[in-house]
N, C-alpha and C. Protein backbone atom coordinates (compact mmCIF):
# COMPACT_ATOMS: atom_id res chain seq x y z
N MET A 1 79.65 124.02 -3.63
CA MET A 1 78.53 123.15 -3.83
C MET A 1 77.41 123.62 -2.93
N SER A 2 76.29 123.93 -3.52
CA SER A 2 75.20 124.49 -2.73
C SER A 2 73.93 123.69 -2.96
N SER A 3 73.25 123.40 -1.88
CA SER A 3 72.01 122.65 -1.96
C SER A 3 70.86 123.59 -2.24
N PRO A 4 69.71 123.05 -2.66
CA PRO A 4 68.55 123.93 -2.87
C PRO A 4 68.19 124.70 -1.61
N THR A 5 68.39 124.08 -0.45
CA THR A 5 68.07 124.76 0.80
C THR A 5 69.01 125.94 1.03
N SER A 6 70.31 125.74 0.83
CA SER A 6 71.24 126.84 1.05
C SER A 6 71.03 127.94 0.02
N SER A 7 70.67 127.56 -1.19
CA SER A 7 70.37 128.54 -2.22
C SER A 7 69.14 129.36 -1.84
N SER A 8 68.13 128.68 -1.32
CA SER A 8 66.91 129.34 -0.87
C SER A 8 67.21 130.27 0.29
N CYS A 9 68.05 129.82 1.23
CA CYS A 9 68.43 130.65 2.36
C CYS A 9 69.16 131.90 1.90
N SER A 10 70.05 131.72 0.93
CA SER A 10 70.80 132.85 0.40
C SER A 10 69.86 133.86 -0.25
N SER A 11 68.87 133.37 -0.96
CA SER A 11 67.89 134.24 -1.61
C SER A 11 67.09 135.02 -0.56
N GLU A 12 66.67 134.34 0.49
CA GLU A 12 65.94 135.00 1.57
C GLU A 12 66.83 136.03 2.26
N LEU A 13 68.07 135.67 2.49
CA LEU A 13 69.01 136.58 3.13
C LEU A 13 69.23 137.81 2.27
N GLU A 14 69.29 137.61 0.97
CA GLU A 14 69.46 138.73 0.04
C GLU A 14 68.27 139.69 0.13
N LYS A 15 67.06 139.14 0.24
CA LYS A 15 65.87 139.98 0.40
C LYS A 15 65.95 140.80 1.68
N VAL A 16 66.38 140.16 2.76
CA VAL A 16 66.53 140.86 4.04
C VAL A 16 67.57 141.97 3.91
N PHE A 17 68.70 141.63 3.28
CA PHE A 17 69.77 142.60 3.10
C PHE A 17 69.27 143.85 2.38
N TYR A 18 68.61 143.66 1.24
CA TYR A 18 68.16 144.81 0.47
C TYR A 18 67.00 145.55 1.12
N TYR A 19 66.23 144.85 1.92
CA TYR A 19 65.17 145.51 2.68
C TYR A 19 65.76 146.52 3.66
N PHE A 20 66.85 146.12 4.33
CA PHE A 20 67.45 147.00 5.33
C PHE A 20 68.49 147.95 4.76
N ASP A 21 68.82 147.81 3.51
CA ASP A 21 69.69 148.78 2.83
C ASP A 21 68.82 149.97 2.44
N GLU A 22 68.56 150.82 3.42
CA GLU A 22 67.57 151.90 3.28
C GLU A 22 67.86 152.86 2.13
N ASN A 23 69.12 153.17 1.90
CA ASN A 23 69.44 154.15 0.86
C ASN A 23 69.78 153.51 -0.48
N GLY A 24 69.72 152.18 -0.55
CA GLY A 24 69.92 151.48 -1.82
C GLY A 24 71.33 151.52 -2.37
N ASP A 25 72.32 151.73 -1.51
CA ASP A 25 73.70 151.81 -1.99
C ASP A 25 74.41 150.45 -2.06
N GLY A 26 73.68 149.38 -1.72
CA GLY A 26 74.28 148.05 -1.76
C GLY A 26 75.13 147.73 -0.55
N LYS A 27 75.03 148.54 0.48
CA LYS A 27 75.79 148.35 1.72
C LYS A 27 74.87 148.59 2.91
N ILE A 28 75.16 147.93 4.02
CA ILE A 28 74.44 148.18 5.26
C ILE A 28 75.39 148.88 6.21
N SER A 29 74.99 150.06 6.61
CA SER A 29 75.78 150.87 7.54
C SER A 29 75.45 150.46 8.98
N PRO A 30 76.26 150.88 9.94
CA PRO A 30 75.90 150.62 11.33
C PRO A 30 74.51 151.16 11.68
N ALA A 31 74.16 152.33 11.15
CA ALA A 31 72.83 152.91 11.42
C ALA A 31 71.73 152.04 10.84
N GLU A 32 71.94 151.50 9.65
CA GLU A 32 70.94 150.61 9.05
C GLU A 32 70.82 149.31 9.84
N LEU A 33 71.94 148.82 10.36
CA LEU A 33 71.90 147.63 11.21
C LEU A 33 71.09 147.90 12.48
N GLN A 34 71.27 149.10 13.05
CA GLN A 34 70.47 149.49 14.22
C GLN A 34 68.98 149.47 13.89
N THR A 35 68.61 149.99 12.75
CA THR A 35 67.21 150.00 12.32
C THR A 35 66.67 148.58 12.22
N CYS A 36 67.48 147.69 11.66
CA CYS A 36 67.10 146.29 11.53
C CYS A 36 66.75 145.69 12.89
N VAL A 37 67.60 145.92 13.85
CA VAL A 37 67.39 145.35 15.19
C VAL A 37 66.17 145.99 15.85
N ARG A 38 66.01 147.30 15.70
CA ARG A 38 64.85 147.98 16.28
C ARG A 38 63.54 147.47 15.68
N THR A 39 63.57 147.12 14.40
CA THR A 39 62.38 146.63 13.71
C THR A 39 61.81 145.39 14.39
N VAL A 40 62.67 144.59 14.96
CA VAL A 40 62.21 143.37 15.63
C VAL A 40 62.14 143.54 17.15
N GLY A 41 62.17 144.79 17.60
CA GLY A 41 61.99 145.07 19.02
C GLY A 41 63.24 144.98 19.85
N GLY A 42 64.39 144.91 19.21
CA GLY A 42 65.66 144.86 19.94
C GLY A 42 66.24 146.25 20.11
N GLU A 43 67.34 146.29 20.79
CA GLU A 43 68.04 147.55 21.01
C GLU A 43 69.51 147.32 20.69
N LEU A 44 70.10 148.24 19.98
CA LEU A 44 71.50 148.15 19.58
C LEU A 44 72.09 149.55 19.65
N SER A 45 73.08 149.73 20.48
CA SER A 45 73.70 151.05 20.60
C SER A 45 74.55 151.33 19.36
N GLU A 46 74.91 152.59 19.19
CA GLU A 46 75.80 152.95 18.08
C GLU A 46 77.10 152.17 18.16
N GLU A 47 77.63 152.05 19.38
CA GLU A 47 78.89 151.35 19.58
C GLU A 47 78.76 149.87 19.22
N GLU A 48 77.66 149.24 19.61
CA GLU A 48 77.44 147.83 19.30
C GLU A 48 77.28 147.62 17.79
N ALA A 49 76.54 148.51 17.15
CA ALA A 49 76.35 148.41 15.70
C ALA A 49 77.69 148.58 14.99
N GLN A 50 78.47 149.55 15.43
CA GLN A 50 79.79 149.78 14.83
C GLN A 50 80.67 148.56 15.02
N ALA A 51 80.65 147.97 16.23
CA ALA A 51 81.47 146.78 16.51
C ALA A 51 81.05 145.60 15.64
N ALA A 52 79.75 145.42 15.44
CA ALA A 52 79.26 144.32 14.60
C ALA A 52 79.72 144.50 13.16
N VAL A 53 79.65 145.72 12.66
CA VAL A 53 80.08 146.00 11.29
C VAL A 53 81.59 145.81 11.18
N GLU A 54 82.35 146.36 12.13
CA GLU A 54 83.81 146.24 12.08
C GLU A 54 84.25 144.78 12.12
N ALA A 55 83.54 143.95 12.88
CA ALA A 55 83.90 142.54 13.01
C ALA A 55 83.74 141.78 11.69
N SER A 56 82.86 142.25 10.83
CA SER A 56 82.58 141.53 9.58
C SER A 56 83.02 142.28 8.33
N ASP A 57 83.48 143.50 8.48
CA ASP A 57 83.87 144.35 7.35
C ASP A 57 85.21 143.89 6.80
N MET A 58 85.19 143.20 5.66
CA MET A 58 86.41 142.64 5.10
C MET A 58 87.16 143.61 4.20
N ASP A 59 86.47 144.60 3.64
CA ASP A 59 87.15 145.51 2.72
C ASP A 59 87.51 146.86 3.36
N GLY A 60 87.17 147.03 4.64
CA GLY A 60 87.58 148.22 5.37
C GLY A 60 86.81 149.49 5.05
N ASP A 61 85.63 149.36 4.43
CA ASP A 61 84.87 150.57 4.08
C ASP A 61 83.90 151.01 5.18
N GLY A 62 83.85 150.27 6.28
CA GLY A 62 82.98 150.65 7.39
C GLY A 62 81.52 150.29 7.18
N MET A 63 81.26 149.48 6.17
CA MET A 63 79.89 149.06 5.84
C MET A 63 79.91 147.57 5.54
N LEU A 64 78.71 146.98 5.47
CA LEU A 64 78.60 145.57 5.13
C LEU A 64 78.01 145.41 3.74
N GLY A 65 78.79 144.86 2.82
CA GLY A 65 78.25 144.43 1.54
C GLY A 65 77.48 143.14 1.78
N PHE A 66 76.82 142.63 0.75
CA PHE A 66 76.02 141.44 0.93
C PHE A 66 76.83 140.25 1.43
N GLU A 67 78.00 140.00 0.84
CA GLU A 67 78.81 138.86 1.28
C GLU A 67 79.24 138.99 2.73
N GLU A 68 79.58 140.19 3.15
CA GLU A 68 79.97 140.42 4.55
C GLU A 68 78.78 140.20 5.49
N PHE A 69 77.62 140.71 5.07
CA PHE A 69 76.38 140.52 5.84
C PHE A 69 76.07 139.03 5.94
N GLN A 70 76.22 138.32 4.84
CA GLN A 70 75.95 136.89 4.81
C GLN A 70 76.88 136.15 5.79
N LYS A 71 78.14 136.52 5.81
CA LYS A 71 79.09 135.88 6.74
C LYS A 71 78.73 136.19 8.18
N LEU A 72 78.29 137.40 8.45
CA LEU A 72 77.85 137.77 9.80
C LEU A 72 76.68 136.88 10.22
N MET A 73 75.73 136.69 9.33
CA MET A 73 74.55 135.87 9.64
C MET A 73 74.93 134.40 9.79
N GLU A 74 75.84 133.92 8.95
CA GLU A 74 76.28 132.52 9.06
C GLU A 74 77.00 132.30 10.38
N ALA A 75 77.84 133.25 10.79
CA ALA A 75 78.53 133.13 12.07
C ALA A 75 77.53 133.13 13.22
N SER A 76 76.50 133.93 13.09
CA SER A 76 75.49 134.00 14.14
C SER A 76 74.68 132.71 14.20
N ASN A 77 74.45 132.08 13.06
CA ASN A 77 73.65 130.85 13.01
C ASN A 77 74.48 129.61 13.29
N GLY A 78 75.78 129.68 13.13
CA GLY A 78 76.63 128.51 13.26
C GLY A 78 77.27 128.40 14.62
N ASP A 79 78.55 128.50 14.65
CA ASP A 79 79.36 128.32 15.85
C ASP A 79 79.07 129.41 16.86
N GLU A 80 78.46 129.05 17.97
CA GLU A 80 78.09 130.03 18.99
C GLU A 80 79.30 130.77 19.56
N GLU A 81 80.48 130.15 19.50
CA GLU A 81 81.67 130.82 20.01
C GLU A 81 82.06 132.02 19.15
N ASN A 82 81.57 132.06 17.92
CA ASN A 82 81.89 133.19 17.03
C ASN A 82 80.98 134.38 17.27
N ILE A 83 79.93 134.19 18.04
CA ILE A 83 79.02 135.30 18.29
C ILE A 83 79.67 136.24 19.28
N ARG A 84 79.79 137.48 18.89
CA ARG A 84 80.54 138.44 19.70
C ARG A 84 79.66 139.24 20.63
N GLY A 85 78.39 138.94 20.73
CA GLY A 85 77.53 139.66 21.67
C GLY A 85 76.12 139.79 21.17
N GLU A 86 75.34 140.51 21.91
CA GLU A 86 73.93 140.66 21.61
C GLU A 86 73.68 141.35 20.28
N HIS A 87 74.60 142.21 19.83
CA HIS A 87 74.37 142.92 18.57
C HIS A 87 74.22 141.94 17.41
N GLU A 88 74.98 140.87 17.39
CA GLU A 88 74.84 139.89 16.31
C GLU A 88 73.59 139.04 16.51
N GLN A 89 73.24 138.76 17.75
CA GLN A 89 72.01 138.02 18.00
C GLN A 89 70.81 138.84 17.53
N GLY A 90 70.87 140.15 17.73
CA GLY A 90 69.80 141.02 17.27
C GLY A 90 69.68 140.99 15.76
N ALA A 91 70.80 140.97 15.08
CA ALA A 91 70.78 140.89 13.62
C ALA A 91 70.20 139.55 13.18
N GLU A 92 70.51 138.49 13.91
CA GLU A 92 69.94 137.19 13.58
C GLU A 92 68.43 137.19 13.77
N ARG A 93 67.93 137.82 14.84
CA ARG A 93 66.49 137.93 15.05
C ARG A 93 65.86 138.72 13.91
N CYS A 94 66.57 139.74 13.47
CA CYS A 94 66.09 140.55 12.35
C CYS A 94 65.89 139.67 11.13
N LEU A 95 66.85 138.82 10.86
CA LEU A 95 66.77 137.92 9.71
C LEU A 95 65.59 136.97 9.85
N ARG A 96 65.39 136.40 11.01
CA ARG A 96 64.31 135.43 11.23
C ARG A 96 62.95 136.07 11.10
N ASP A 97 62.81 137.30 11.55
CA ASP A 97 61.50 137.93 11.66
C ASP A 97 61.02 138.62 10.40
N VAL A 98 61.87 138.77 9.39
CA VAL A 98 61.46 139.46 8.16
C VAL A 98 60.79 138.51 7.22
């Protein structure tokens, strides 16, 4: 059950996802996540980007599909105990600033 607000948020999140999917493959790589964070003036090391992707990668391909990206953002916006470090906060800032 989804409200108009959650539907709108999902649509905005989808725009952000495809904006940062630089090569258009439908996945966000750790390198693309780094670019996202840099765009908003943050810093994310390769290791932090890899850890953020690994924490949310449900299919084991080393990349974030839209649903995985969405779950990462929901975890960052919801329960603060689920935030695993600054790399996810940077991704959240990326979402807010686009």
